[in-house]
Amino acid sequence: MSRISKLPTAKLRFTATALTLLTCWAGASYAADHDGATAIASADDAVPHDRAAIGFASADLAGDASVKAVPPFKHPGLLVTQARLNTIRAAVQSSANSAIKTGYNRLLQDNRGSHTYAHSALATVEVVRAAGGPQESRWKNDSMAAYLNALRWTVSGDTRNRDKAIQILDAWSSKFTGFTLAPGTDAPQAWLEAAWGLPVWASAAEIIRHHNGGEAGWTPAQQDRFNGYLNKLYAQANQASSRTNNWGVSGALAMMAAGVYQDDANRYNAGFNRMKQMIPLIVYSSGEVQELQARDCHHPQYSLAGIAQAAEIATIQGDTGLWTLTIGSESQPRFARGLEYMAKSILYGEGVRDCRSNGLYSGYSDIAVNGYRNRGVAIPNFQNATKRGRPDASAAEFLGYSTATHGRDDY
């Protein structure tokens, strides 16, 4: 069994006072994300339909200070547990058809999951504003290759996939020193890239390190190097959590992922509490999702994907509070309300934007349906949209293939 390695890390500590100020300050000089659109300038602007949510988010932090994950963390403990990995393997090897099997067959079409995939680690990754540069693409593709190969190894038992995943993890953790900025790119763009990438890298490493009690044989020295690599990404990713749009959600998710992988309760709790704060800022009381009216049908789903993945991580670690969070006297969880609003926009063109020409963003729909069916919360429109769009595929910013990992056959 591989040992748990810990490196000294700079702990990110949120105080109630600091986060109260943070809620009021949304970053007046937002850098644009990949579409180059101007982000929302202030928390007041971010929540025009639900100003009470800002008060909730600030006041709630004092209570959140006492919400602590209790080590030891459960491993594997990001988006897939050992039981889920076993379920995926059984579904794929069964002669019966299933949502998971259909999703996994689509995953197999992704050549990044092949043991012959050609990875190439870089010392630095150049970040390009409002676009994806070739070095960013290499970094992201290699992270997904590590994850897909790790997942395929647990299903097929083919050690060539295991070895490929380890080679990728080792190559990047041995060579990477940091991000550089392309001309005209603001420094915060690296925060967002790191926030998107960290959970993917951590998910691959989590499987390799913990599947069947460390069966992969990833050595302590290899784990130590990867821990150092993850720290470099964390130093950038946690800064994205200061934003009150999809950046903040992505940053909080990255903090939670690092906390679980590194058995660091401070990092995990800071991310969890920030995500809990973000939900009523992202989903208004009407259900409208932030950025849907002002931007497009795509960016709001970055936030929904990040929240769903964070809620699943938290559930695995013993807290269902992100799924079930309600504000005031609301009977329906706020996040469920946002999923339904987005689904109606996609299915029927309802709400502030007609998204009928768009589909669900990959990587979160089956996770969300599974999460709410397990809680007994009805989200019929989102279920219909999920079923219509199955199986989902890769996602450029988050882990994709949620049908392969969380697909259900009971609706």
Protein backbone atom coordinates (compact mmCIF):
# COMPACT_ATOMS: atom_id res chain seq x y z
CA MET A 1 0.00 0.00 0.00
CA SER A 2 1.33 3.40 -0.92
CA ARG A 3 1.86 5.70 1.99
CA ILE A 4 0.22 9.08 2.35
CA SER A 5 2.81 11.73 1.69
CA LYS A 6 2.47 15.24 2.94
CA LEU A 7 4.54 18.23 2.07
CA PRO A 8 4.47 21.47 4.01
CA THR A 9 1.86 23.66 2.40
CA ALA A 10 0.87 27.24 2.82
CA LYS A 11 -2.55 27.05 4.31
CA LEU A 12 -5.28 29.24 2.89
CA ARG A 13 -7.31 30.60 5.74
CA PHE A 14 -10.62 32.35 5.18
CA THR A 15 -11.94 34.36 8.08
CA ALA A 16 -15.52 35.46 8.36
CA THR A 17 -14.42 39.08 8.11
CA ALA A 18 -12.28 38.52 5.04
CA LEU A 19 -14.95 36.62 3.21
CA THR A 20 -17.59 39.16 4.10
CA LEU A 21 -15.41 41.78 2.45
CA LEU A 22 -14.77 39.39 -0.41
CA THR A 23 -18.47 39.01 -1.06
CA CYS A 24 -18.76 42.75 -1.50
CA TRP A 25 -15.64 42.93 -3.62
CA ALA A 26 -15.97 40.93 -6.80
CA GLY A 27 -12.78 42.02 -8.40
CA ALA A 28 -13.22 45.31 -10.20
CA SER A 29 -10.58 44.41 -12.77
CA TYR A 30 -11.74 40.98 -13.87
CA ALA A 31 -9.71 39.40 -16.62
CA ALA A 32 -11.83 37.91 -19.36
CA ASP A 33 -12.06 34.14 -19.53
CA HIS A 34 -11.91 32.03 -22.65
CA ASP A 35 -14.59 33.86 -24.60
CA GLY A 36 -12.99 37.17 -23.87
CA ALA A 37 -16.23 38.63 -22.54
CA THR A 38 -16.12 41.06 -19.66
CA ALA A 39 -16.94 39.39 -16.37
CA ILE A 40 -19.43 40.80 -13.89
CA ALA A 41 -17.93 43.73 -12.06
CA SER A 42 -19.37 43.45 -8.57
CA ALA A 43 -21.33 41.19 -6.29
CA ASP A 44 -24.24 43.64 -6.38
CA ASP A 45 -24.30 43.38 -10.16
CA ALA A 46 -23.87 39.62 -9.99
CA VAL A 47 -27.12 39.03 -8.10
CA PRO A 48 -29.67 41.56 -9.37
CA HIS A 49 -32.60 39.27 -8.64
CA ASP A 50 -31.50 38.02 -5.26
CA ARG A 51 -29.72 40.64 -3.18
CA ALA A 52 -30.69 38.75 -0.04
CA ALA A 53 -28.34 35.99 -1.10
CA ILE A 54 -25.36 38.28 -0.55
CA GLY A 55 -26.42 38.80 3.03
CA PHE A 56 -26.88 35.07 3.42
CA ALA A 57 -23.47 34.31 2.00
CA SER A 58 -21.70 36.75 4.28
CA ALA A 59 -23.59 35.91 7.44
CA ASP A 60 -23.41 32.19 6.81
CA LEU A 61 -19.62 32.18 6.92
CA ALA A 62 -19.50 32.59 10.66
CA GLY A 63 -21.34 29.30 10.95
CA ASP A 64 -19.20 27.74 8.25
CA ALA A 65 -16.09 28.37 10.34
CA SER A 66 -17.18 25.45 12.52
CA VAL A 67 -17.83 23.11 9.58
CA LYS A 68 -14.80 20.88 9.47
CA ALA A 69 -14.01 17.74 7.53
CA VAL A 70 -12.89 15.07 9.96
CA PRO A 71 -9.80 13.16 8.78
CA PRO A 72 -9.11 10.59 7.62
CA PHE A 73 -10.51 11.44 4.21
CA LYS A 74 -12.11 8.65 2.23
CA HIS A 75 -9.99 7.36 -0.67
CA PRO A 76 -10.48 7.08 -3.56
CA GLY A 77 -12.52 10.13 -2.71
CA LEU A 78 -12.88 12.62 -5.52
CA LEU A 79 -15.58 11.81 -8.09
CA VAL A 80 -15.26 8.04 -7.88
CA THR A 81 -15.04 5.81 -4.82
CA GLN A 82 -13.72 2.26 -4.82
CA ALA A 83 -17.31 1.02 -4.80
CA ARG A 84 -18.14 3.15 -7.84
CA LEU A 85 -15.06 1.94 -9.70
CA ASN A 86 -16.19 -1.60 -9.00
CA THR A 87 -19.69 -0.75 -10.23
CA ILE A 88 -18.33 0.70 -13.47
CA ARG A 89 -16.23 -2.38 -14.06
CA ALA A 90 -19.17 -4.71 -13.44
CA ALA A 91 -21.44 -2.71 -15.75
CA VAL A 92 -18.89 -2.66 -18.57
CA GLN A 93 -18.17 -6.37 -18.28
CA SER A 94 -21.85 -7.31 -18.10
CA SER A 95 -23.67 -8.55 -21.19
CA ALA A 96 -26.59 -6.29 -20.30
CA ASN A 97 -26.94 -2.78 -21.66
CA SER A 98 -26.79 0.11 -19.21
CA ALA A 99 -26.26 3.85 -19.14
CA ILE A 100 -22.81 3.36 -17.63
CA LYS A 101 -21.83 0.88 -20.32
CA THR A 102 -23.04 3.22 -23.06
CA GLY A 103 -21.13 6.10 -21.51
CA TYR A 104 -18.00 4.03 -21.12
CA ASN A 105 -18.11 2.88 -24.73
CA ARG A 106 -18.10 6.53 -25.74
CA LEU A 107 -15.17 7.16 -23.42
CA LEU A 108 -13.26 4.42 -25.23
CA GLN A 109 -13.49 6.47 -28.42
CA ASP A 110 -11.27 9.15 -26.86
CA ASN A 111 -7.75 8.36 -28.04
CA ARG A 112 -6.28 10.17 -25.04
CA GLY A 113 -7.28 7.12 -23.02
CA SER A 114 -5.06 4.81 -25.06
CA HIS A 115 -1.83 3.45 -23.61
CA THR A 116 -0.20 4.55 -26.88
CA TYR A 117 -1.10 8.22 -26.33
CA ALA A 118 1.96 10.42 -26.84
CA HIS A 119 2.33 12.75 -23.86
CA SER A 120 4.86 15.56 -23.63
CA ALA A 121 5.52 17.41 -20.40
CA LEU A 122 6.60 21.05 -20.51
CA ALA A 123 8.63 23.10 -18.07
CA THR A 124 6.26 26.05 -18.50
CA VAL A 125 2.78 26.41 -19.93
CA GLU A 126 1.94 29.64 -21.70
CA VAL A 127 -1.54 30.93 -20.89
CA VAL A 128 -3.37 32.79 -23.64
CA ARG A 129 -6.16 35.24 -22.87
CA ALA A 130 -9.54 34.49 -24.45
CA ALA A 131 -8.21 31.46 -26.28
CA GLY A 132 -6.53 28.14 -25.75
CA GLY A 133 -2.89 28.19 -26.80
CA PRO A 134 -1.00 25.07 -27.92
CA GLN A 135 0.80 24.68 -24.61
CA GLU A 136 -2.46 24.90 -22.67
CA SER A 137 -3.95 22.30 -24.98
CA ARG A 138 -1.02 19.96 -24.40
CA TRP A 139 -1.30 20.38 -20.63
CA LYS A 140 -5.05 19.77 -20.62
CA ASN A 141 -4.89 16.83 -23.00
CA ASP A 142 -2.20 15.17 -20.92
CA SER A 143 -4.22 15.63 -17.74
CA MET A 144 -7.24 13.99 -19.34
CA ALA A 145 -5.03 11.23 -20.74
CA ALA A 146 -3.76 10.47 -17.24
CA TYR A 147 -7.31 10.33 -15.91
CA LEU A 148 -8.72 8.25 -18.75
CA ASN A 149 -5.87 5.78 -18.65
CA ALA A 150 -6.20 5.45 -14.87
CA LEU A 151 -9.94 4.83 -15.20
CA ARG A 152 -9.51 2.34 -18.02
CA TRP A 153 -6.95 0.42 -15.98
CA THR A 154 -9.43 -0.05 -13.12
CA VAL A 155 -12.02 -1.40 -15.57
CA SER A 156 -9.92 -3.58 -17.87
CA GLY A 157 -7.01 -4.44 -15.63
CA ASP A 158 -4.65 -3.64 -18.51
CA THR A 159 -1.44 -2.58 -16.81
CA ARG A 160 -0.38 -0.67 -19.92
CA ASN A 161 -3.06 1.92 -19.09
CA ARG A 162 -1.81 2.07 -15.51
CA ASP A 163 1.75 2.57 -16.69
CA LYS A 164 0.74 5.31 -19.13
CA ALA A 165 -1.13 7.21 -16.42
CA ILE A 166 1.88 7.00 -14.09
CA GLN A 167 4.25 8.09 -16.86
CA ILE A 168 2.17 11.21 -17.49
CA LEU A 169 1.86 12.09 -13.81
CA ASP A 170 5.58 11.57 -13.25
CA ALA A 171 6.62 13.50 -16.35
CA TRP A 172 4.68 16.64 -15.49
CA SER A 173 5.48 16.57 -11.78
CA SER A 174 9.18 16.25 -12.61
CA LYS A 175 9.35 18.99 -15.23
CA PHE A 176 6.68 21.66 -14.68
CA THR A 177 7.79 24.88 -13.00
CA GLY A 178 4.86 27.22 -13.64
CA PHE A 179 2.76 29.26 -16.03
CA THR A 180 3.86 32.06 -18.30
CA LEU A 181 1.64 34.69 -19.92
CA ALA A 182 1.22 35.34 -23.62
CA PRO A 183 1.37 39.01 -24.69
CA GLY A 184 -1.79 40.80 -23.65
CA THR A 185 -2.76 38.14 -21.10
CA ASP A 186 -3.45 39.25 -17.52
CA ALA A 187 -1.98 37.26 -14.65
CA PRO A 188 -5.37 36.11 -13.29
CA GLN A 189 -5.93 34.01 -16.41
CA ALA A 190 -3.44 31.55 -14.94
CA TRP A 191 -5.65 31.30 -11.85
CA LEU A 192 -8.52 30.05 -13.95
CA GLU A 193 -6.44 27.61 -15.97
CA ALA A 194 -5.01 26.13 -12.78
CA ALA A 195 -8.47 25.94 -11.22
CA TRP A 196 -9.76 23.99 -14.20
CA GLY A 197 -6.77 21.72 -14.42
CA LEU A 198 -6.06 20.84 -10.80
CA PRO A 199 -9.16 18.63 -10.21
CA VAL A 200 -8.39 16.63 -13.37
CA TRP A 201 -4.78 15.99 -12.38
CA ALA A 202 -5.80 15.19 -8.80
CA SER A 203 -8.52 12.79 -9.97
CA ALA A 204 -6.03 10.83 -12.06
CA ALA A 205 -3.54 10.67 -9.20
CA GLU A 206 -6.26 9.74 -6.70
CA ILE A 207 -7.12 6.62 -8.70
CA ILE A 208 -3.50 5.62 -9.26
CA ARG A 209 -2.60 6.17 -5.63
CA HIS A 210 -5.59 4.55 -3.95
CA HIS A 211 -7.30 2.02 -6.26
CA ASN A 212 -7.46 -1.31 -4.46
CA GLY A 213 -5.32 0.00 -1.63
CA GLY A 214 -2.43 1.20 -3.78
CA GLU A 215 -2.31 -1.70 -6.23
CA ALA A 216 -0.64 0.48 -8.88
CA GLY A 217 2.56 0.59 -6.85
CA TRP A 218 3.12 4.32 -7.27
CA THR A 219 6.12 4.92 -5.03
CA PRO A 220 6.36 7.42 -2.16
CA ALA A 221 9.01 9.38 -4.08
CA GLN A 222 6.70 9.66 -7.08
CA GLN A 223 3.86 10.77 -4.85
CA ASP A 224 6.06 13.40 -3.22
CA ARG A 225 6.96 14.89 -6.59
CA PHE A 226 3.32 14.98 -7.62
CA ASN A 227 2.43 16.67 -4.34
CA GLY A 228 4.90 19.42 -5.19
CA TYR A 229 3.34 19.77 -8.63
CA LEU A 230 -0.14 20.01 -7.12
CA ASN A 231 1.08 22.72 -4.74
CA LYS A 232 2.23 24.79 -7.70
CA LEU A 233 -1.21 24.51 -9.27
CA TYR A 234 -2.94 25.23 -5.97
CA ALA A 235 -1.01 28.47 -5.50
CA GLN A 236 -2.69 29.74 -8.66
CA ALA A 237 -6.06 27.97 -8.46
CA ASN A 238 -7.08 29.14 -4.99
CA GLN A 239 -6.88 32.76 -6.16
CA ALA A 240 -9.69 32.17 -8.66
CA SER A 241 -12.03 31.57 -5.72
CA SER A 242 -12.09 35.32 -5.05
CA ARG A 243 -14.34 35.85 -8.06
CA THR A 244 -18.13 35.65 -7.81
CA ASN A 245 -18.78 34.04 -11.16
CA ASN A 246 -17.73 30.73 -12.72
CA TRP A 247 -14.13 31.50 -11.77
CA GLY A 248 -15.01 31.38 -8.08
CA VAL A 249 -16.79 28.07 -8.46
CA SER A 250 -13.83 26.58 -10.32
CA GLY A 251 -11.41 27.85 -7.69
CA ALA A 252 -13.46 26.39 -4.84
CA LEU A 253 -13.69 23.03 -6.60
CA ALA A 254 -9.93 22.98 -7.05
CA MET A 255 -9.39 23.74 -3.37
CA MET A 256 -11.65 20.87 -2.36
CA ALA A 257 -9.94 18.47 -4.77
CA ALA A 258 -6.49 19.39 -3.47
CA GLY A 259 -7.69 19.04 0.11
CA VAL A 260 -8.96 15.51 -0.42
CA TYR A 261 -5.97 14.31 -2.40
CA GLN A 262 -3.47 15.83 0.03
CA ASP A 263 -5.44 14.94 3.18
CA ASP A 264 -5.42 18.64 3.99
CA ALA A 265 -8.52 19.59 5.96
CA ASN A 266 -7.71 23.31 5.85
CA ARG A 267 -7.66 23.37 2.07
CA TYR A 268 -10.73 21.20 1.79
CA ASN A 269 -12.76 23.22 4.30
CA ALA A 270 -11.80 26.54 2.72
CA GLY A 271 -12.99 25.25 -0.66
CA PHE A 272 -16.16 23.71 0.72
CA ASN A 273 -17.13 26.85 2.60
CA ARG A 274 -16.43 29.02 -0.41
CA MET A 275 -18.55 26.73 -2.60
CA LYS A 276 -21.38 26.89 -0.10
CA GLN A 277 -21.14 30.66 -0.24
CA MET A 278 -21.11 30.65 -4.04
CA ILE A 279 -24.31 28.67 -4.62
CA PRO A 280 -26.81 31.47 -3.82
CA LEU A 281 -24.62 33.92 -5.72
CA ILE A 282 -24.65 31.72 -8.82
CA VAL A 283 -28.28 30.55 -8.67
CA TYR A 284 -30.80 33.29 -7.98
CA SER A 285 -34.01 32.69 -6.06
CA SER A 286 -35.88 32.50 -9.38
CA GLY A 287 -33.58 29.69 -10.48
CA GLU A 288 -31.87 31.83 -13.09
CA VAL A 289 -28.19 30.98 -13.33
CA GLN A 290 -25.68 33.81 -13.25
CA GLU A 291 -24.16 34.69 -16.64
CA LEU A 292 -27.05 33.12 -18.59
CA GLN A 293 -28.65 36.45 -19.43
CA ALA A 294 -25.48 38.51 -19.73
CA ARG A 295 -23.30 36.04 -21.62
CA ASP A 296 -24.41 32.79 -23.27
CA CYS A 297 -25.69 29.24 -22.72
CA HIS A 298 -22.23 27.88 -22.02
CA HIS A 299 -20.62 29.84 -19.19
CA PRO A 300 -23.49 29.36 -16.72
CA GLN A 301 -22.97 25.63 -17.08
CA TYR A 302 -19.32 25.99 -16.05
CA SER A 303 -20.72 27.02 -12.68
CA LEU A 304 -23.29 24.22 -12.61
CA ALA A 305 -20.64 21.65 -13.52
CA GLY A 306 -18.29 22.88 -10.82
CA ILE A 307 -21.00 22.86 -8.16
CA ALA A 308 -22.19 19.37 -9.10
CA GLN A 309 -18.69 17.93 -9.00
CA ALA A 310 -17.98 19.65 -5.68
CA ALA A 311 -21.25 18.34 -4.23
CA GLU A 312 -20.29 14.81 -5.22
CA ILE A 313 -16.85 15.14 -3.64
CA ALA A 314 -18.40 16.49 -0.44
CA THR A 315 -20.95 13.66 -0.36
CA ILE A 316 -18.21 11.07 -0.65
CA GLN A 317 -16.48 12.79 2.26
CA GLY A 318 -19.68 12.64 4.32
CA ASP A 319 -21.47 15.98 3.79
CA THR A 320 -24.48 16.34 1.48
CA GLY A 321 -24.92 20.02 2.31
CA LEU A 322 -24.10 21.36 -1.14
CA TRP A 323 -26.87 19.29 -2.70
CA THR A 324 -29.42 20.20 -0.06
CA LEU A 325 -28.62 23.87 0.62
CA THR A 326 -31.77 25.98 0.84
CA ILE A 327 -32.05 29.70 1.45
CA GLY A 328 -34.58 31.04 3.94
CA SER A 329 -37.94 29.30 3.65
CA GLU A 330 -37.25 27.70 0.27
CA SER A 331 -38.39 24.10 0.05
CA GLN A 332 -36.36 23.21 -3.02
CA PRO A 333 -32.56 23.17 -2.80
CA ARG A 334 -31.12 26.22 -4.51
CA PHE A 335 -28.82 24.24 -6.78
CA ALA A 336 -31.70 21.99 -7.92
CA ARG A 337 -33.62 25.14 -8.80
CA GLY A 338 -30.76 26.27 -11.01
CA LEU A 339 -30.56 22.92 -12.78
CA GLU A 340 -34.27 23.04 -13.57
CA TYR A 341 -34.05 26.60 -14.87
CA MET A 342 -31.14 25.69 -17.15
CA ALA A 343 -32.92 22.59 -18.40
CA LYS A 344 -36.06 24.53 -19.30
CA SER A 345 -33.93 26.96 -21.28
CA ILE A 346 -32.35 24.05 -23.17
CA LEU A 347 -35.53 22.03 -23.66
CA TYR A 348 -38.13 24.73 -24.26
CA GLY A 349 -36.32 28.04 -24.71
CA GLU A 350 -37.83 29.40 -21.50
CA GLY A 351 -36.37 32.02 -19.17
CA VAL A 352 -33.94 34.82 -19.91
CA ARG A 353 -32.25 33.03 -22.82
CA ASP A 354 -33.34 30.48 -25.41
CA CYS A 355 -30.77 27.68 -25.34
CA ARG A 356 -32.63 25.18 -27.53
CA SER A 357 -29.78 25.16 -30.03
CA ASN A 358 -27.40 24.21 -27.22
CA GLY A 359 -27.13 21.07 -25.14
CA LEU A 360 -25.96 20.28 -21.67
CA TYR A 361 -22.28 20.85 -21.02
CA SER A 362 -20.48 17.54 -20.52
CA GLY A 363 -19.24 16.25 -17.20
CA TYR A 364 -21.98 17.05 -14.73
CA SER A 365 -25.48 16.06 -15.84
CA ASP A 366 -25.44 12.42 -14.73
CA ILE A 367 -23.63 13.38 -11.53
CA ALA A 368 -26.39 15.87 -10.72
CA VAL A 369 -29.22 13.48 -11.55
CA ASN A 370 -27.63 10.77 -9.43
CA GLY A 371 -27.07 13.19 -6.56
CA TYR A 372 -30.65 14.40 -6.45
CA ARG A 373 -32.29 11.02 -7.04
CA ASN A 374 -30.29 9.77 -4.08
CA ARG A 375 -31.69 12.68 -2.05
CA GLY A 376 -35.29 12.21 -3.26
CA VAL A 377 -35.34 15.67 -4.89
CA ALA A 378 -37.32 15.93 -8.12
CA ILE A 379 -35.60 17.61 -11.08
CA PRO A 380 -37.74 16.25 -13.95
CA ASN A 381 -36.72 18.75 -16.61
CA PHE A 382 -33.04 18.31 -15.93
CA GLN A 383 -33.49 14.54 -15.97
CA ASN A 384 -35.16 14.79 -19.38
CA ALA A 385 -32.36 16.97 -20.72
CA THR A 386 -29.77 14.57 -19.33
CA LYS A 387 -31.44 11.54 -20.86
CA ARG A 388 -31.80 13.29 -24.20
CA GLY A 389 -28.11 14.20 -24.24
CA ARG A 390 -26.70 10.85 -23.17
CA PRO A 391 -23.99 9.78 -23.25
CA ASP A 392 -22.01 12.89 -22.51
CA ALA A 393 -18.46 13.27 -23.74
CA SER A 394 -15.28 15.12 -22.88
CA ALA A 395 -15.32 18.61 -21.40
CA ALA A 396 -12.57 21.09 -22.19
CA GLU A 397 -12.51 22.64 -18.71
CA PHE A 398 -13.70 19.94 -16.28
CA LEU A 399 -13.73 16.17 -16.08
CA GLY A 400 -16.17 14.82 -18.65
CA TYR A 401 -17.88 11.48 -19.23
CA SER A 402 -20.32 11.65 -16.33
CA THR A 403 -22.55 9.02 -17.96
CA ALA A 404 -19.66 6.56 -17.85
CA THR A 405 -19.16 7.12 -14.12
CA HIS A 406 -22.61 8.07 -12.78
CA GLY A 407 -25.22 6.99 -15.32
CA ARG A 408 -28.47 5.50 -13.98
CA ASP A 409 -31.13 3.34 -15.59
CA ASP A 410 -34.06 4.02 -13.26
CA TYR A 411 -35.64 7.03 -14.95
